[in-house]
PDB file of N, CA and C in Angstrom:
ATOM      1  N   VAL A   1     -19.533  -7.578 -24.318  1.00  0.00           N
ATOM      2  CA  VAL A   1     -19.965  -7.058 -25.617  1.00  0.00           C
ATOM      3  C   VAL A   1     -18.793  -6.244 -26.225  1.00  0.00           C
ATOM      4  N   LEU A   2     -18.579  -6.430 -27.468  1.00  0.00           N
ATOM      5  CA  LEU A   2     -17.465  -5.673 -28.160  1.00  0.00           C
ATOM      6  C   LEU A   2     -18.181  -4.786 -29.151  1.00  0.00           C
ATOM      7  N   GLY A   3     -17.567  -3.594 -29.287  1.00  0.00           N
ATOM      8  CA  GLY A   3     -17.989  -2.659 -30.289  1.00  0.00           C
ATOM      9  C   GLY A   3     -16.784  -2.175 -31.091  1.00  0.00           C
ATOM     10  N   GLU A   4     -17.011  -1.292 -32.024  1.00  0.00           N
ATOM     11  CA  GLU A   4     -15.853  -0.845 -32.801  1.00  0.00           C
ATOM     12  C   GLU A   4     -15.684   0.654 -32.625  1.00  0.00           C
ATOM     13  N   SER A   5     -14.516   0.998 -32.213  1.00  0.00           N
ATOM     14  CA  SER A   5     -14.243   2.475 -31.960  1.00  0.00           C
ATOM     15  C   SER A   5     -14.016   3.130 -33.306  1.00  0.00           C
ATOM     16  N   PRO A   6     -14.008   4.471 -33.343  1.00  0.00           N
ATOM     17  CA  PRO A   6     -13.760   5.184 -34.567  1.00  0.00           C
ATOM     18  C   PRO A   6     -12.485   4.846 -35.313  1.00  0.00           C
ATOM     19  N   ASP A   7     -11.452   4.392 -34.507  1.00  0.00           N
ATOM     20  CA  ASP A   7     -10.136   4.095 -35.164  1.00  0.00           C
ATOM     21  C   ASP A   7     -10.158   2.624 -35.644  1.00  0.00           C
ATOM     22  N   GLY A   8     -11.294   1.931 -35.561  1.00  0.00           N
ATOM     23  CA  GLY A   8     -11.365   0.584 -36.137  1.00  0.00           C
ATOM     24  C   GLY A   8     -10.930  -0.486 -35.132  1.00  0.00           C
ATOM     25  N   GLU A   9     -10.584  -0.154 -33.962  1.00  0.00           N
ATOM     26  CA  GLU A   9     -10.168  -1.109 -32.947  1.00  0.00           C
ATOM     27  C   GLU A   9     -11.345  -1.610 -32.169  1.00  0.00           C
ATOM     28  N   SER A  10     -11.428  -2.927 -31.798  1.00  0.00           N
ATOM     29  CA  SER A  10     -12.534  -3.368 -31.000  1.00  0.00           C
ATOM     30  C   SER A  10     -12.284  -2.986 -29.564  1.00  0.00           C
ATOM     31  N   VAL A  11     -13.312  -2.469 -28.931  1.00  0.00           N
ATOM     32  CA  VAL A  11     -13.296  -2.141 -27.562  1.00  0.00           C
ATOM     33  C   VAL A  11     -14.516  -2.633 -26.871  1.00  0.00           C
ATOM     34  N   GLU A  12     -14.393  -2.889 -25.567  1.00  0.00           N
ATOM     35  CA  GLU A  12     -15.499  -3.417 -24.870  1.00  0.00           C
ATOM     36  C   GLU A  12     -16.517  -2.235 -24.580  1.00  0.00           C
ATOM     37  N   ILE A  13     -17.791  -2.582 -24.739  1.00  0.00           N
ATOM     38  CA  ILE A  13     -18.864  -1.645 -24.419  1.00  0.00           C
ATOM     39  C   ILE A  13     -19.607  -2.193 -23.190  1.00  0.00           C
ATOM     40  N   CYS A  14     -19.779  -1.428 -22.160  1.00  0.00           N
ATOM     41  CA  CYS A  14     -20.365  -1.890 -20.959  1.00  0.00           C
ATOM     42  C   CYS A  14     -21.156  -0.819 -20.269  1.00  0.00           C
ATOM     43  N   ASP A  15     -22.167  -1.172 -19.499  1.00  0.00           N
ATOM     44  CA  ASP A  15     -22.815  -0.158 -18.670  1.00  0.00           C
ATOM     45  C   ASP A  15     -22.053   0.044 -17.434  1.00  0.00           C
ATOM     46  N   VAL A  16     -21.767   1.307 -17.085  1.00  0.00           N
ATOM     47  CA  VAL A  16     -20.965   1.540 -15.809  1.00  0.00           C
ATOM     48  C   VAL A  16     -21.806   2.541 -15.013  1.00  0.00           C
ATOM     49  N   ALA A  17     -21.531   2.562 -13.761  1.00  0.00           N
ATOM     50  CA  ALA A  17     -22.199   3.463 -12.853  1.00  0.00           C
ATOM     51  C   ALA A  17     -21.070   4.154 -12.037  1.00  0.00           C
ATOM     52  N   GLU A  18     -21.458   5.161 -11.310  1.00  0.00           N
ATOM     53  CA  GLU A  18     -20.525   5.952 -10.456  1.00  0.00           C
ATOM     54  C   GLU A  18     -19.850   5.048  -9.479  1.00  0.00           C
ATOM     55  N   GLU A  19     -20.509   3.933  -9.067  1.00  0.00           N
ATOM     56  CA  GLU A  19     -19.904   3.048  -8.077  1.00  0.00           C
ATOM     57  C   GLU A  19     -18.734   2.262  -8.712  1.00  0.00           C
ATOM     58  N   ASP A  20     -18.639   2.219 -10.027  1.00  0.00           N
ATOM     59  CA  ASP A  20     -17.597   1.471 -10.715  1.00  0.00           C
ATOM     60  C   ASP A  20     -16.355   2.366 -10.809  1.00  0.00           C
ATOM     61  N   ALA A  21     -15.735   2.595  -9.603  1.00  0.00           N
ATOM     62  CA  ALA A  21     -14.616   3.482  -9.509  1.00  0.00           C
ATOM     63  C   ALA A  21     -13.371   2.853  -8.833  1.00  0.00           C
ATOM     64  N   LEU A  22     -12.253   3.342  -9.200  1.00  0.00           N
ATOM     65  CA  LEU A  22     -10.970   2.924  -8.575  1.00  0.00           C
ATOM     66  C   LEU A  22     -10.241   4.169  -8.136  1.00  0.00           C
ATOM     67  N   SER A  23      -9.576   4.105  -6.999  1.00  0.00           N
ATOM     68  CA  SER A  23      -8.894   5.274  -6.563  1.00  0.00           C
ATOM     69  C   SER A  23      -7.568   5.027  -5.809  1.00  0.00           C
ATOM     70  N   ILE A  24      -6.706   5.993  -5.750  1.00  0.00           N
ATOM     71  CA  ILE A  24      -5.540   5.929  -4.943  1.00  0.00           C
ATOM     72  C   ILE A  24      -5.510   7.109  -4.041  1.00  0.00           C
ATOM     73  N   THR A  25      -4.842   7.040  -2.883  1.00  0.00           N
ATOM     74  CA  THR A  25      -4.742   8.124  -2.005  1.00  0.00           C
ATOM     75  C   THR A  25      -3.282   8.247  -1.523  1.00  0.00           C
ATOM     76  N   ASN A  26      -2.966   9.383  -0.995  1.00  0.00           N
ATOM     77  CA  ASN A  26      -1.640   9.593  -0.391  1.00  0.00           C
ATOM     78  C   ASN A  26      -1.691   8.933   1.034  1.00  0.00           C
ATOM     79  N   SER A  27      -1.074   7.827   1.168  1.00  0.00           N
ATOM     80  CA  SER A  27      -1.108   7.113   2.390  1.00  0.00           C
ATOM     81  C   SER A  27      -0.337   7.738   3.553  1.00  0.00           C
ATOM     82  N   LEU A  28       0.626   8.587   3.239  1.00  0.00           N
ATOM     83  CA  LEU A  28       1.451   9.291   4.167  1.00  0.00           C
ATOM     84  C   LEU A  28       1.262  10.765   4.029  1.00  0.00           C
ATOM     85  N   ALA A  29       1.495  11.530   5.057  1.00  0.00           N
ATOM     86  CA  ALA A  29       1.522  12.973   5.013  1.00  0.00           C
ATOM     87  C   ALA A  29       2.679  13.420   4.123  1.00  0.00           C
ATOM     88  N   THR A  30       2.461  14.594   3.425  1.00  0.00           N
ATOM     89  CA  THR A  30       3.498  15.125   2.570  1.00  0.00           C
ATOM     90  C   THR A  30       3.888  16.487   3.072  1.00  0.00           C
ATOM     91  N   SER A  31       5.061  16.938   2.757  1.00  0.00           N
ATOM     92  CA  SER A  31       5.481  18.335   3.122  1.00  0.00           C
ATOM     93  C   SER A  31       5.366  19.220   1.892  1.00  0.00           C
ATOM     94  N   ALA A  32       4.849  18.752   0.820  1.00  0.00           N
ATOM     95  CA  ALA A  32       4.620  19.504  -0.400  1.00  0.00           C
ATOM     96  C   ALA A  32       3.369  18.910  -1.130  1.00  0.00           C
ATOM     97  N   PRO A  33       2.819  19.557  -2.121  1.00  0.00           N
ATOM     98  CA  PRO A  33       1.643  18.928  -2.830  1.00  0.00           C
ATOM     99  C   PRO A  33       1.990  17.601  -3.256  1.00  0.00           C
ATOM    100  N   TRP A  34       0.968  16.682  -3.244  1.00  0.00           N
ATOM    101  CA  TRP A  34       1.118  15.363  -3.712  1.00  0.00           C
ATOM    102  C   TRP A  34       0.800  15.376  -5.242  1.00  0.00           C
ATOM    103  N   GLY A  35       1.636  14.715  -6.004  1.00  0.00           N
ATOM    104  CA  GLY A  35       1.463  14.728  -7.487  1.00  0.00           C
ATOM    105  C   GLY A  35       1.535  13.370  -8.095  1.00  0.00           C
ATOM    106  N   VAL A  36       0.813  13.150  -9.165  1.00  0.00           N
ATOM    107  CA  VAL A  36       0.865  11.869  -9.951  1.00  0.00           C
ATOM    108  C   VAL A  36       1.047  12.260 -11.447  1.00  0.00           C
ATOM    109  N   VAL A  37       2.098  11.711 -12.065  1.00  0.00           N
ATOM    110  CA  VAL A  37       2.362  11.909 -13.452  1.00  0.00           C
ATOM    111  C   VAL A  37       1.523  11.052 -14.268  1.00  0.00           C
ATOM    112  N   GLU A  38       1.480   9.792 -14.024  1.00  0.00           N
ATOM    113  CA  GLU A  38       0.649   8.858 -14.820  1.00  0.00           C
ATOM    114  C   GLU A  38       0.035   7.772 -13.880  1.00  0.00           C
ATOM    115  N   LEU A  39      -1.215   7.393 -14.103  1.00  0.00           N
ATOM    116  CA  LEU A  39      -1.939   6.464 -13.359  1.00  0.00           C
ATOM    117  C   LEU A  39      -2.636   5.475 -14.300  1.00  0.00           C
ATOM    118  N   SER A  40      -2.453   4.175 -14.094  1.00  0.00           N
ATOM    119  CA  SER A  40      -3.220   3.237 -14.881  1.00  0.00           C
ATOM    120  C   SER A  40      -3.489   1.921 -14.144  1.00  0.00           C
ATOM    121  N   PHE A  41      -4.574   1.318 -14.455  1.00  0.00           N
ATOM    122  CA  PHE A  41      -5.031   0.124 -13.778  1.00  0.00           C
ATOM    123  C   PHE A  41      -5.052  -1.007 -14.842  1.00  0.00           C
ATOM    124  N   HIS A  42      -4.601  -2.225 -14.422  1.00  0.00           N
ATOM    125  CA  HIS A  42      -4.441  -3.325 -15.398  1.00  0.00           C
ATOM    126  C   HIS A  42      -5.041  -4.602 -14.870  1.00  0.00           C
ATOM    127  N   ALA A  43      -5.482  -5.426 -15.769  1.00  0.00           N
ATOM    128  CA  ALA A  43      -6.005  -6.789 -15.397  1.00  0.00           C
ATOM    129  C   ALA A  43      -4.847  -7.786 -15.217  1.00  0.00           C
ATOM    130  N   SER A  44      -3.753  -7.507 -16.027  1.00  0.00           N
ATOM    131  CA  SER A  44      -2.583  -8.347 -15.896  1.00  0.00           C
ATOM    132  C   SER A  44      -1.803  -8.110 -14.647  1.00  0.00           C
ATOM    133  N   PRO A  45      -1.331  -9.142 -13.888  1.00  0.00           N
ATOM    134  CA  PRO A  45      -0.604  -8.922 -12.674  1.00  0.00           C
ATOM    135  C   PRO A  45       0.729  -8.208 -12.947  1.00  0.00           C
ATOM    136  N   SER A  46       1.278  -8.308 -14.173  1.00  0.00           N
ATOM    137  CA  SER A  46       2.556  -7.700 -14.533  1.00  0.00           C
ATOM    138  C   SER A  46       2.358  -6.295 -15.181  1.00  0.00           C
ATOM    139  N   CYS A  47       1.110  -5.849 -15.309  1.00  0.00           N
ATOM    140  CA  CYS A  47       0.875  -4.530 -15.959  1.00  0.00           C
ATOM    141  C   CYS A  47       1.338  -4.456 -17.421  1.00  0.00           C
ATOM    142  N   THR A  48       1.447  -5.606 -18.081  1.00  0.00           N
ATOM    143  CA  THR A  48       1.908  -5.649 -19.420  1.00  0.00           C
ATOM    144  C   THR A  48       0.796  -5.507 -20.450  1.00  0.00           C
ATOM    145  N   ASP A  49      -0.414  -5.541 -19.997  1.00  0.00           N
ATOM    146  CA  ASP A  49      -1.583  -5.454 -20.961  1.00  0.00           C
ATOM    147  C   ASP A  49      -1.960  -4.010 -21.129  1.00  0.00           C
ATOM    148  N   THR A  50      -2.997  -3.792 -22.016  1.00  0.00           N
ATOM    149  CA  THR A  50      -3.527  -2.461 -22.260  1.00  0.00           C
ATOM    150  C   THR A  50      -4.251  -2.029 -20.971  1.00  0.00           C
ATOM    151  N   PRO A  51      -4.025  -0.739 -20.503  1.00  0.00           N
ATOM    152  CA  PRO A  51      -4.700  -0.318 -19.310  1.00  0.00           C
ATOM    153  C   PRO A  51      -6.255  -0.409 -19.473  1.00  0.00           C
ATOM    154  N   LEU A  52      -6.967  -0.616 -18.388  1.00  0.00           N
ATOM    155  CA  LEU A  52      -8.397  -0.571 -18.401  1.00  0.00           C
ATOM    156  C   LEU A  52      -8.891   0.818 -18.714  1.00  0.00           C
ATOM    157  N   ARG A  53      -9.992   0.854 -19.443  1.00  0.00           N
ATOM    158  CA  ARG A  53     -10.644   2.208 -19.820  1.00  0.00           C
ATOM    159  C   ARG A  53     -11.582   2.648 -18.679  1.00  0.00           C
ATOM    160  N   TRP A  54     -11.803   3.943 -18.634  1.00  0.00           N
ATOM    161  CA  TRP A  54     -12.769   4.459 -17.771  1.00  0.00           C
ATOM    162  C   TRP A  54     -13.434   5.706 -18.399  1.00  0.00           C
ATOM    163  N   ALA A  55     -14.493   6.171 -17.782  1.00  0.00           N
ATOM    164  CA  ALA A  55     -15.291   7.294 -18.360  1.00  0.00           C
ATOM    165  C   ALA A  55     -14.667   8.643 -17.983  1.00  0.00           C
ATOM    166  N   GLU A  56     -14.251   8.793 -16.727  1.00  0.00           N
ATOM    167  CA  GLU A  56     -13.704  10.103 -16.296  1.00  0.00           C
ATOM    168  C   GLU A  56     -12.722   9.976 -15.130  1.00  0.00           C
ATOM    169  N   ILE A  57     -11.955  10.968 -14.889  1.00  0.00           N
ATOM    170  CA  ILE A  57     -10.996  10.931 -13.762  1.00  0.00           C
ATOM    171  C   ILE A  57     -11.294  12.222 -12.968  1.00  0.00           C
ATOM    172  N   ASP A  58     -11.204  12.064 -11.605  1.00  0.00           N
ATOM    173  CA  ASP A  58     -11.443  13.149 -10.649  1.00  0.00           C
ATOM    174  C   ASP A  58     -10.479  13.079  -9.573  1.00  0.00           C
ATOM    175  N   ALA A  59     -10.388  14.237  -8.824  1.00  0.00           N
ATOM    176  CA  ALA A  59      -9.526  14.276  -7.688  1.00  0.00           C
ATOM    177  C   ALA A  59     -10.143  15.089  -6.568  1.00  0.00           C
ATOM    178  N   THR A  60      -9.680  14.830  -5.355  1.00  0.00           N
ATOM    179  CA  THR A  60     -10.181  15.555  -4.207  1.00  0.00           C
ATOM    180  C   THR A  60      -9.943  17.085  -4.295  1.00  0.00           C
ATOM    181  N   SER A  61      -8.773  17.448  -4.807  1.00  0.00           N
ATOM    182  CA  SER A  61      -8.504  18.870  -5.011  1.00  0.00           C
ATOM    183  C   SER A  61      -7.876  19.059  -6.387  1.00  0.00           C
ATOM    184  N   ASN A  62      -7.981  20.300  -6.965  1.00  0.00           N
ATOM    185  CA  ASN A  62      -7.396  20.574  -8.290  1.00  0.00           C
ATOM    186  C   ASN A  62      -7.986  19.624  -9.331  1.00  0.00           C
ATOM    187  N   SER A  63      -9.231  19.276  -9.189  1.00  0.00           N
ATOM    188  CA  SER A  63      -9.913  18.301 -10.120  1.00  0.00           C
ATOM    189  C   SER A  63      -9.907  18.712 -11.603  1.00  0.00           C
ATOM    190  N   ALA A  64      -9.814  19.974 -11.877  1.00  0.00           N
ATOM    191  CA  ALA A  64      -9.837  20.426 -13.229  1.00  0.00           C
ATOM    192  C   ALA A  64      -8.556  19.902 -13.998  1.00  0.00           C
ATOM    193  N   MET A  65      -7.501  19.605 -13.167  1.00  0.00           N
ATOM    194  CA  MET A  65      -6.248  19.129 -13.795  1.00  0.00           C
ATOM    195  C   MET A  65      -6.020  17.646 -13.690  1.00  0.00           C
ATOM    196  N   ALA A  66      -7.036  16.902 -13.139  1.00  0.00           N
ATOM    197  CA  ALA A  66      -6.904  15.476 -12.845  1.00  0.00           C
ATOM    198  C   ALA A  66      -6.526  14.675 -14.087  1.00  0.00           C
ATOM    199  N   GLN A  67      -7.078  15.094 -15.309  1.00  0.00           N
ATOM    200  CA  GLN A  67      -6.790  14.371 -16.518  1.00  0.00           C
ATOM    201  C   GLN A  67      -5.335  14.296 -16.885  1.00  0.00           C
ATOM    202  N   LEU A  68      -4.474  15.156 -16.324  1.00  0.00           N
ATOM    203  CA  LEU A  68      -3.097  15.117 -16.594  1.00  0.00           C
ATOM    204  C   LEU A  68      -2.370  13.938 -16.034  1.00  0.00           C
ATOM    205  N   ALA A  69      -3.093  13.268 -15.057  1.00  0.00           N
ATOM    206  CA  ALA A  69      -2.535  12.024 -14.477  1.00  0.00           C
ATOM    207  C   ALA A  69      -2.825  10.802 -15.346  1.00  0.00           C
ATOM    208  N   ALA A  70      -3.505  10.998 -16.454  1.00  0.00           N
ATOM    209  CA  ALA A  70      -3.812   9.830 -17.343  1.00  0.00           C
ATOM    210  C   ALA A  70      -3.796  10.261 -18.780  1.00  0.00           C
ATOM    211  N   ASP A  71      -2.906  11.208 -19.172  1.00  0.00           N
ATOM    212  CA  ASP A  71      -2.839  11.667 -20.522  1.00  0.00           C
ATOM    213  C   ASP A  71      -1.703  11.088 -21.366  1.00  0.00           C
ATOM    214  N   GLY A  72      -0.964  10.147 -20.768  1.00  0.00           N
ATOM    215  CA  GLY A  72       0.108   9.503 -21.474  1.00  0.00           C
ATOM    216  C   GLY A  72       1.329  10.331 -21.685  1.00  0.00           C
ATOM    217  N   ASP A  73       1.395  11.514 -21.072  1.00  0.00           N
ATOM    218  CA  ASP A  73       2.512  12.436 -21.249  1.00  0.00           C
ATOM    219  C   ASP A  73       3.379  12.497 -19.907  1.00  0.00           C
ATOM    220  N   GLU A  74       4.603  12.003 -20.051  1.00  0.00           N
ATOM    221  CA  GLU A  74       5.473  11.973 -18.827  1.00  0.00           C
ATOM    222  C   GLU A  74       5.949  13.332 -18.421  1.00  0.00           C
ATOM    223  N   PHE A  75       5.597  14.375 -19.141  1.00  0.00           N
ATOM    224  CA  PHE A  75       6.040  15.770 -18.829  1.00  0.00           C
ATOM    225  C   PHE A  75       4.901  16.561 -18.229  1.00  0.00           C
ATOM    226  N   SER A  76       3.697  15.919 -18.102  1.00  0.00           N
ATOM    227  CA  SER A  76       2.645  16.666 -17.416  1.00  0.00           C
ATOM    228  C   SER A  76       2.249  15.876 -16.215  1.00  0.00           C
ATOM    229  N   ALA A  77       1.567  16.505 -15.245  1.00  0.00           N
ATOM    230  CA  ALA A  77       1.183  15.837 -13.985  1.00  0.00           C
ATOM    231  C   ALA A  77      -0.013  16.568 -13.322  1.00  0.00           C
ATOM    232  N   TRP A  78      -0.722  15.823 -12.614  1.00  0.00           N
ATOM    233  CA  TRP A  78      -1.727  16.408 -11.687  1.00  0.00           C
ATOM    234  C   TRP A  78      -1.028  16.574 -10.347  1.00  0.00           C
ATOM    235  N   SER A  79      -1.279  17.668  -9.623  1.00  0.00           N
ATOM    236  CA  SER A  79      -0.785  17.851  -8.256  1.00  0.00           C
ATOM    237  C   SER A  79      -1.955  18.420  -7.423  1.00  0.00           C
ATOM    238  N   SER A  80      -1.944  18.009  -6.172  1.00  0.00           N
ATOM    239  CA  SER A  80      -2.959  18.490  -5.234  1.00  0.00           C
ATOM    240  C   SER A  80      -2.829  19.988  -4.971  1.00  0.00           C
ATOM    241  N   SER A  81      -3.867  20.569  -4.431  1.00  0.00           N
ATOM    242  CA  SER A  81      -3.732  21.970  -4.100  1.00  0.00           C
ATOM    243  C   SER A  81      -3.309  22.256  -2.705  1.00  0.00           C
ATOM    244  N   CYS A  82      -3.061  21.209  -1.903  1.00  0.00           N
ATOM    245  CA  CYS A  82      -2.599  21.427  -0.485  1.00  0.00           C
ATOM    246  C   CYS A  82      -1.113  21.577  -0.523  1.00  0.00           C
ATOM    247  N   SER A  83      -0.566  22.499   0.305  1.00  0.00           N
ATOM    248  CA  SER A  83       0.914  22.688   0.305  1.00  0.00           C
ATOM    249  C   SER A  83       1.598  21.630   1.166  1.00  0.00           C
ATOM    250  N   SER A  84       0.913  21.115   2.181  1.00  0.00           N
ATOM    251  CA  SER A  84       1.357  19.941   2.839  1.00  0.00           C
ATOM    252  C   SER A  84       0.084  19.155   3.151  1.00  0.00           C
ATOM    253  N   CYS A  85       0.040  17.901   2.683  1.00  0.00           N
ATOM    254  CA  CYS A  85      -1.196  17.187   2.714  1.00  0.00           C
ATOM    255  C   CYS A  85      -1.172  16.161   3.842  1.00  0.00           C
ATOM    256  N   GLY A  86      -2.182  16.079   4.599  1.00  0.00           N
ATOM    257  CA  GLY A  86      -2.374  15.092   5.674  1.00  0.00           C
ATOM    258  C   GLY A  86      -2.543  13.687   5.060  1.00  0.00           C
ATOM    259  N   ALA A  87      -2.099  12.691   5.840  1.00  0.00           N
ATOM    260  CA  ALA A  87      -2.197  11.303   5.353  1.00  0.00           C
ATOM    261  C   ALA A  87      -3.672  10.931   4.925  1.00  0.00           C
ATOM    262  N   GLY A  88      -3.829  10.473   3.793  1.00  0.00           N
ATOM    263  CA  GLY A  88      -5.169  10.096   3.305  1.00  0.00           C
ATOM    264  C   GLY A  88      -6.054  11.190   2.915  1.00  0.00           C
ATOM    265  N   SER A  89      -5.562  12.437   2.828  1.00  0.00           N
ATOM    266  CA  SER A  89      -6.447  13.548   2.565  1.00  0.00           C
ATOM    267  C   SER A  89      -6.666  13.765   1.121  1.00  0.00           C
ATOM    268  N   GLU A  90      -5.871  13.240   0.258  1.00  0.00           N
ATOM    269  CA  GLU A  90      -5.978  13.461  -1.199  1.00  0.00           C
ATOM    270  C   GLU A  90      -6.363  12.141  -1.855  1.00  0.00           C
ATOM    271  N   LYS A  91      -7.232  12.220  -2.894  1.00  0.00           N
ATOM    272  CA  LYS A  91      -7.623  11.005  -3.665  1.00  0.00           C
ATOM    273  C   LYS A  91      -7.694  11.297  -5.109  1.00  0.00           C
ATOM    274  N   LEU A  92      -7.139  10.463  -5.930  1.00  0.00           N
ATOM    275  CA  LEU A  92      -7.287  10.431  -7.376  1.00  0.00           C
ATOM    276  C   LEU A  92      -8.048   9.286  -7.770  1.00  0.00           C
ATOM    277  N   GLN A  93      -9.164   9.512  -8.538  1.00  0.00           N
ATOM    278  CA  GLN A  93     -10.127   8.444  -8.808  1.00  0.00           C
ATOM    279  C   GLN A  93     -10.575   8.387 -10.254  1.00  0.00           C
ATOM    280  N   VAL A  94     -10.663   7.175 -10.790  1.00  0.00           N
ATOM    281  CA  VAL A  94     -11.236   7.008 -12.135  1.00  0.00           C
ATOM    282  C   VAL A  94     -12.590   6.409 -11.965  1.00  0.00           C
ATOM    283  N   VAL A  95     -13.570   6.951 -12.625  1.00  0.00           N
ATOM    284  CA  VAL A  95     -14.957   6.526 -12.543  1.00  0.00           C
ATOM    285  C   VAL A  95     -15.455   5.943 -13.806  1.00  0.00           C
ATOM    286  N   GLY A  96     -16.243   4.900 -13.812  1.00  0.00           N
ATOM    287  CA  GLY A  96     -16.840   4.291 -14.983  1.00  0.00           C
ATOM    288  C   GLY A  96     -15.928   3.180 -15.542  1.00  0.00           C
ATOM    289  N   VAL A  97     -15.401   2.362 -14.683  1.00  0.00           N
ATOM    290  CA  VAL A  97     -14.567   1.190 -15.087  1.00  0.00           C
ATOM    291  C   VAL A  97     -15.464   0.038 -15.377  1.00  0.00           C
ATOM    292  N   CYS A  98     -15.241  -0.625 -16.475  1.00  0.00           N
ATOM    293  CA  CYS A  98     -16.137  -1.693 -16.903  1.00  0.00           C
ATOM    294  C   CYS A  98     -16.140  -2.887 -15.870  1.00  0.00           C
ATOM    295  N   ARG A  99     -14.962  -3.290 -15.467  1.00  0.00           N
ATOM    296  CA  ARG A  99     -14.877  -4.425 -14.557  1.00  0.00           C
ATOM    297  C   ARG A  99     -13.839  -4.094 -13.501  1.00  0.00           C
ATOM    298  N   PRO A 100     -14.172  -3.246 -12.476  1.00  0.00           N
ATOM    299  CA  PRO A 100     -13.136  -2.868 -11.524  1.00  0.00           C
ATOM    300  C   PRO A 100     -12.589  -4.025 -10.711  1.00  0.00           C
ATOM    301  N   ASP A 101     -13.349  -5.173 -10.603  1.00  0.00           N
ATOM    302  CA  ASP A 101     -12.846  -6.331  -9.862  1.00  0.00           C
ATOM    303  C   ASP A 101     -11.757  -7.064 -10.564  1.00  0.00           C
ATOM    304  N   ASP A 102     -11.488  -6.767 -11.834  1.00  0.00           N
ATOM    305  CA  ASP A 102     -10.461  -7.407 -12.665  1.00  0.00           C
ATOM    306  C   ASP A 102      -9.074  -6.806 -12.407  1.00  0.00           C
ATOM    307  N   VAL A 103      -8.949  -5.738 -11.675  1.00  0.00           N
ATOM    308  CA  VAL A 103      -7.651  -5.065 -11.553  1.00  0.00           C
ATOM    309  C   VAL A 103      -6.710  -5.938 -10.723  1.00  0.00           C
ATOM    310  N   ARG A 104      -5.553  -6.173 -11.288  1.00  0.00           N
ATOM    311  CA  ARG A 104      -4.502  -6.992 -10.660  1.00  0.00           C
ATOM    312  C   ARG A 104      -3.175  -6.195 -10.517  1.00  0.00           C
ATOM    313  N   CYS A 105      -3.132  -5.046 -11.179  1.00  0.00           N
ATOM    314  CA  CYS A 105      -1.938  -4.275 -11.134  1.00  0.00           C
ATOM    315  C   CYS A 105      -2.260  -2.782 -11.305  1.00  0.00           C
ATOM    316  N   VAL A 106      -1.512  -1.920 -10.537  1.00  0.00           N
ATOM    317  CA  VAL A 106      -1.705  -0.480 -10.592  1.00  0.00           C
ATOM    318  C   VAL A 106      -0.352   0.100 -10.886  1.00  0.00           C
ATOM    319  N   LYS A 107      -0.293   0.950 -11.896  1.00  0.00           N
ATOM    320  CA  LYS A 107       0.943   1.756 -12.190  1.00  0.00           C
ATOM    321  C   LYS A 107       0.749   3.136 -11.768  1.00  0.00           C
ATOM    322  N   VAL A 108       1.687   3.689 -10.939  1.00  0.00           N
ATOM    323  CA  VAL A 108       1.669   5.044 -10.524  1.00  0.00           C
ATOM    324  C   VAL A 108       3.048   5.624 -10.714  1.00  0.00           C
ATOM    325  N   PHE A 109       3.168   6.613 -11.554  1.00  0.00           N
ATOM    326  CA  PHE A 109       4.410   7.340 -11.732  1.00  0.00           C
ATOM    327  C   PHE A 109       4.304   8.688 -11.036  1.00  0.00           C
ATOM    328  N   GLN A 110       5.366   8.976 -10.223  1.00  0.00           N
ATOM    329  CA  GLN A 110       5.332  10.243  -9.502  1.00  0.00           C
ATOM    330  C   GLN A 110       6.487  11.182  -9.901  1.00  0.00           C
ATOM    331  N   CYS A 111       7.298  10.798 -10.851  1.00  0.00           N
ATOM    332  CA  CYS A 111       8.398  11.650 -11.376  1.00  0.00           C
ATOM    333  C   CYS A 111       8.147  11.933 -12.802  1.00  0.00           C
ATOM    334  N   LYS A 112       8.268  13.154 -13.225  1.00  0.00           N
ATOM    335  CA  LYS A 112       8.169  13.521 -14.633  1.00  0.00           C
ATOM    336  C   LYS A 112       9.419  13.066 -15.371  1.00  0.00           C
ATOM    337  N   GLY A 113       9.309  13.049 -16.683  1.00  0.00           N
ATOM    338  CA  GLY A 113      10.416  12.611 -17.532  1.00  0.00           C
ATOM    339  C   GLY A 113      11.623  13.533 -17.390  1.00  0.00           C
ATOM    340  N   ASP A 114      11.441  14.731 -16.938  1.00  0.00           N
ATOM    341  CA  ASP A 114      12.597  15.614 -16.761  1.00  0.00           C
ATOM    342  C   ASP A 114      13.137  15.593 -15.301  1.00  0.00           C
ATOM    343  N   ALA A 115      12.726  14.576 -14.555  1.00  0.00           N
ATOM    344  CA  ALA A 115      13.217  14.271 -13.220  1.00  0.00           C
ATOM    345  C   ALA A 115      12.609  15.204 -12.135  1.00  0.00           C
ATOM    346  N   THR A 116      11.641  16.031 -12.502  1.00  0.00           N
ATOM    347  CA  THR A 116      10.958  16.830 -11.468  1.00  0.00           C
ATOM    348  C   THR A 116       9.769  15.967 -11.008  1.00  0.00           C
ATOM    349  N   PHE A 117       9.230  16.368  -9.864  1.00  0.00           N
ATOM    350  CA  PHE A 117       8.159  15.572  -9.254  1.00  0.00           C
ATOM    351  C   PHE A 117       6.817  16.102  -9.716  1.00  0.00           C
ATOM    352  N   GLY A 118       5.830  15.289  -9.797  1.00  0.00           N
ATOM    353  CA  GLY A 118       4.452  15.616 -10.051  1.00  0.00           C
ATOM    354  C   GLY A 118       3.953  16.406  -8.940  1.00  0.00           C
TER     355      GLY A 118
END
């Protein structure tokens, strides 16, 4: 189903549930907080398409700042609240994805535009 957004662009309208979520975790232990500058999920294997839309973004810790990982700003970032994070202890998750099974590419940036880390 397609609808029209306020800016005149056609966007997909779909029913989503909390189960329609995608997430990433820190697979290795860290010696500092784990950070993500930008996160996006794509249906194209080359990530050259428009990122998939979602309803909200959440995190295991510091969830109030999770939206910074998807704000399109390379100078902002979400970072976990742990000072050293155990492997798999942190998760960044987008909820309300129309077709999570369509994801073929994930973009994760962990360095800010000024070369500091998220």
